[in-house]
Protein backbone atom coordinates (compact mmCIF):
# COMPACT_ATOMS: atom_id res chain seq x y z
CA UNK A 1 -49.58 274.53 -146.66
CA UNK A 2 -46.53 272.25 -147.19
CA UNK A 3 -46.60 269.36 -149.60
CA UNK A 4 -47.19 265.86 -148.32
CA UNK A 5 -45.45 262.76 -149.75
CA UNK A 6 -48.82 261.80 -151.25
CA UNK A 7 -49.00 265.18 -153.03
CA UNK A 8 -45.57 264.56 -154.51
CA UNK A 9 -46.50 261.02 -155.54
CA UNK A 10 -49.77 262.04 -157.22
CA UNK A 11 -48.31 265.01 -159.02
CA UNK A 12 -48.82 264.72 -162.77
CA UNK A 13 -46.75 266.76 -165.15
CA UNK A 14 -47.87 267.72 -168.62
CA UNK A 15 -45.86 266.19 -171.38
CA UNK A 16 -43.91 268.34 -173.66
CA UNK A 17 -42.34 267.49 -177.01
CA UNK A 18 -38.85 267.30 -175.83
CA UNK A 19 -39.53 266.60 -172.17
CA UNK A 20 -37.44 264.86 -169.58
CA UNK A 21 -37.08 261.10 -169.44
CA UNK A 22 -40.12 259.87 -167.58
CA UNK A 23 -38.37 257.00 -165.73
CA UNK A 24 -35.64 259.26 -164.39
CA UNK A 25 -38.19 261.83 -163.22
CA UNK A 26 -40.28 259.10 -161.54
CA UNK A 27 -37.22 257.58 -159.90
CA UNK A 28 -36.12 261.00 -158.69
CA UNK A 29 -39.62 261.76 -157.39
CA UNK A 30 -39.68 258.42 -155.53
CA UNK A 31 -36.37 259.33 -153.89
CA UNK A 32 -37.77 262.75 -152.94
CA UNK A 33 -40.89 261.06 -151.50
CA UNK A 34 -38.77 258.73 -149.30
CA UNK A 35 -36.53 261.56 -148.13
CA UNK A 36 -39.50 263.81 -147.53
CA UNK A 37 -41.28 261.10 -145.49
CA UNK A 38 -38.12 260.67 -143.38
CA UNK A 39 -37.89 264.44 -142.86
CA UNK A 40 -41.58 264.65 -141.90
CA UNK A 41 -41.20 261.67 -139.50
CA UNK A 42 -38.10 263.27 -137.97
CA UNK A 43 -39.93 266.59 -137.73
CA UNK A 44 -42.88 264.92 -135.98
CA UNK A 45 -40.55 263.14 -133.55
CA UNK A 46 -38.70 266.38 -132.87
CA UNK A 47 -41.99 268.21 -132.32
CA UNK A 48 -43.05 265.51 -129.85
CA UNK A 49 -39.66 265.77 -128.11
CA UNK A 50 -39.99 269.55 -127.99
CA UNK A 51 -43.52 269.20 -126.58
CA UNK A 52 -42.34 266.64 -123.98
CA UNK A 53 -39.34 268.78 -123.06
CA UNK A 54 -41.54 271.85 -122.82
CA UNK A 55 -43.79 269.93 -120.44
CA UNK A 56 -40.74 268.83 -118.45
CA UNK A 57 -39.43 272.40 -118.38
CA UNK A 58 -42.87 273.51 -117.18
CA UNK A 59 -42.80 270.78 -114.55
CA UNK A 60 -39.26 271.73 -113.49
CA UNK A 61 -40.20 275.42 -113.41
CA UNK A 62 -43.17 274.56 -111.20
CA UNK A 63 -40.94 272.40 -109.06
CA UNK A 64 -38.36 275.20 -108.84
CA UNK A 65 -41.07 277.67 -107.80
CA UNK A 66 -42.34 275.21 -105.21
CA UNK A 67 -38.83 274.66 -103.89
CA UNK A 68 -38.16 278.38 -103.71
CA UNK A 69 -41.43 278.89 -101.83
CA UNK A 70 -40.54 275.97 -99.54
CA UNK A 71 -37.13 277.49 -98.88
CA UNK A 72 -38.74 280.83 -98.05
CA UNK A 73 -41.25 279.11 -95.75
CA UNK A 74 -38.42 277.14 -94.09
CA UNK A 75 -36.37 280.32 -93.67
CA UNK A 76 -39.37 282.11 -92.17
CA UNK A 77 -40.02 279.17 -89.85
CA UNK A 78 -36.36 279.08 -88.83
CA UNK A 79 -36.41 282.81 -88.17
CA UNK A 80 -39.58 282.47 -86.11
CA UNK A 81 -38.06 279.57 -84.21
CA UNK A 82 -34.91 281.61 -83.57
CA UNK A 83 -36.98 284.57 -82.29
CA UNK A 84 -39.05 282.28 -80.06
CA UNK A 85 -35.90 280.62 -78.76
CA UNK A 86 -34.40 284.01 -77.95
CA UNK A 87 -37.58 285.06 -76.14
CA UNK A 88 -37.64 281.80 -74.22
CA UNK A 89 -33.96 282.15 -73.35
CA UNK A 90 -34.57 285.69 -72.05
CA UNK A 91 -37.49 284.43 -69.95
CA UNK A 92 -35.36 281.61 -68.57
CA UNK A 93 -32.57 284.05 -67.72
CA UNK A 94 -35.05 286.42 -66.01
CA UNK A 95 -36.53 283.55 -64.03
CA UNK A 96 -33.06 282.33 -63.08
CA UNK A 97 -32.10 285.84 -61.97
CA UNK A 98 -35.28 286.09 -59.86
CA UNK A 99 -34.55 282.72 -58.30
CA UNK A 100 -30.94 283.70 -57.71
CA UNK A 101 -32.04 286.96 -56.04
CA UNK A 102 -34.55 285.08 -53.91
CA UNK A 103 -31.96 282.48 -52.90
CA UNK A 104 -29.41 285.19 -52.08
CA UNK A 105 -31.99 287.12 -50.04
CA UNK A 106 -33.02 283.97 -48.19
CA UNK A 107 -29.37 283.17 -47.51
CA UNK A 108 -28.76 286.69 -46.22
CA UNK A 109 -31.82 286.47 -43.99
CA UNK A 110 -30.67 283.12 -42.61
CA UNK A 111 -27.16 284.50 -42.12
CA UNK A 112 -28.60 287.46 -40.17
CA UNK A 113 -30.69 285.13 -38.01
CA UNK A 114 -27.67 282.90 -37.38
CA UNK A 115 -25.56 285.95 -36.51
CA UNK A 116 -28.24 287.10 -34.05
CA UNK A 117 -28.42 283.58 -32.56
CA UNK A 118 -24.61 283.47 -32.27
CA UNK A 119 -24.62 286.85 -30.52
CA UNK A 120 -27.37 285.62 -28.16
CA UNK A 121 -25.41 282.41 -27.48
CA UNK A 122 -22.30 284.48 -26.76
CA UNK A 123 -24.28 286.58 -24.27
CA UNK A 124 -25.73 283.44 -22.65
CA UNK A 125 -22.24 281.93 -22.59
CA UNK A 126 -20.87 285.01 -20.78
CA UNK A 127 -23.74 284.93 -18.29
CA UNK A 128 -23.23 281.20 -17.72
CA UNK A 129 -19.48 281.69 -17.35
CA UNK A 130 -19.97 284.51 -14.83
CA UNK A 131 -22.51 282.47 -12.84
CA UNK A 132 -20.31 279.39 -12.94
CA UNK A 133 -17.32 281.47 -11.91
CA UNK A 134 -19.33 282.93 -9.02
CA UNK A 135 -20.42 279.42 -7.99
CA UNK A 136 -16.87 278.11 -8.13
CA UNK A 137 -15.62 281.14 -6.21
CA UNK A 138 -18.34 280.63 -3.61
CA UNK A 139 -17.35 276.97 -3.27
CA UNK A 140 -13.70 277.98 -2.98
CA UNK A 141 -14.66 280.46 -0.28
CA UNK A 142 -16.42 277.62 1.55
CA UNK A 143 -13.35 275.47 1.20
CA UNK A 144 -11.14 278.26 2.51
CA UNK A 145 -13.21 278.84 5.67
CA UNK A 146 -12.06 277.72 9.10
CA UNK A 147 -15.05 275.39 9.50
CA UNK A 148 -13.09 272.64 7.81
CA UNK A 149 -10.38 272.92 10.44
CA UNK A 150 -12.99 272.48 13.18
CA UNK A 151 -14.34 269.38 11.50
CA UNK A 152 -10.89 267.85 11.39
CA UNK A 153 -10.42 268.54 15.07
CA UNK A 154 -13.69 266.99 16.00
CA UNK A 155 -13.02 263.42 17.13
CA UNK A 156 -15.88 261.08 17.58
CA UNK A 157 -15.36 257.49 18.21
CA UNK A 158 -17.37 254.88 16.39
CA UNK A 159 -18.43 253.37 19.66
CA UNK A 160 -19.95 256.69 20.78
CA UNK A 161 -21.99 256.95 17.60
CA UNK A 162 -23.34 253.43 18.03
CA UNK A 163 -24.35 254.21 21.59
CA UNK A 164 -26.17 257.35 20.50
CA UNK A 165 -28.06 255.41 17.88
CA UNK A 166 -29.17 252.80 20.41
CA UNK A 167 -30.23 255.43 22.82
CA UNK A 168 -32.29 257.08 20.14
CA UNK A 169 -33.96 253.75 19.36
CA UNK A 170 -34.80 253.12 22.97
CA UNK A 171 -36.41 256.53 23.27
CA UNK A 172 -38.64 255.86 20.36
CA UNK A 173 -40.11 252.73 21.79
């Protein structure tokens, strides 16, 4: 066990015949006591600093471990989020492709129906045109007949028509 300043102070030496000068020894011992007290105080302060720094190092080590674990958790979460995002993106693309196929199929179906309707309208147009042509030709044939010439030759006076009307009225009465 190391000496304390009190041990140094209380130390008694035996006196010899031709011993050292007592005042010089006491003065030197007092100086040793002061220096030793300073050294012990400094040692205690340093021990406290070492203890405090050890605690801080422990705290920082714990903090470092926590941060490393947090980083790992964050990386895992980011990886999971990336995987989920990729899955969701694939689902969205599949859904979009299905919708695109459906829209294309619907458009093709409508185009086929419209093509059929156009063909039907063309047929109806031809039939109408042929009927109209036949009607016009029939009317032209009527116009080209000799009956029109007979009508132009027929001469009826207005007076004759009025007399026929009066005669018809008299017969009715």
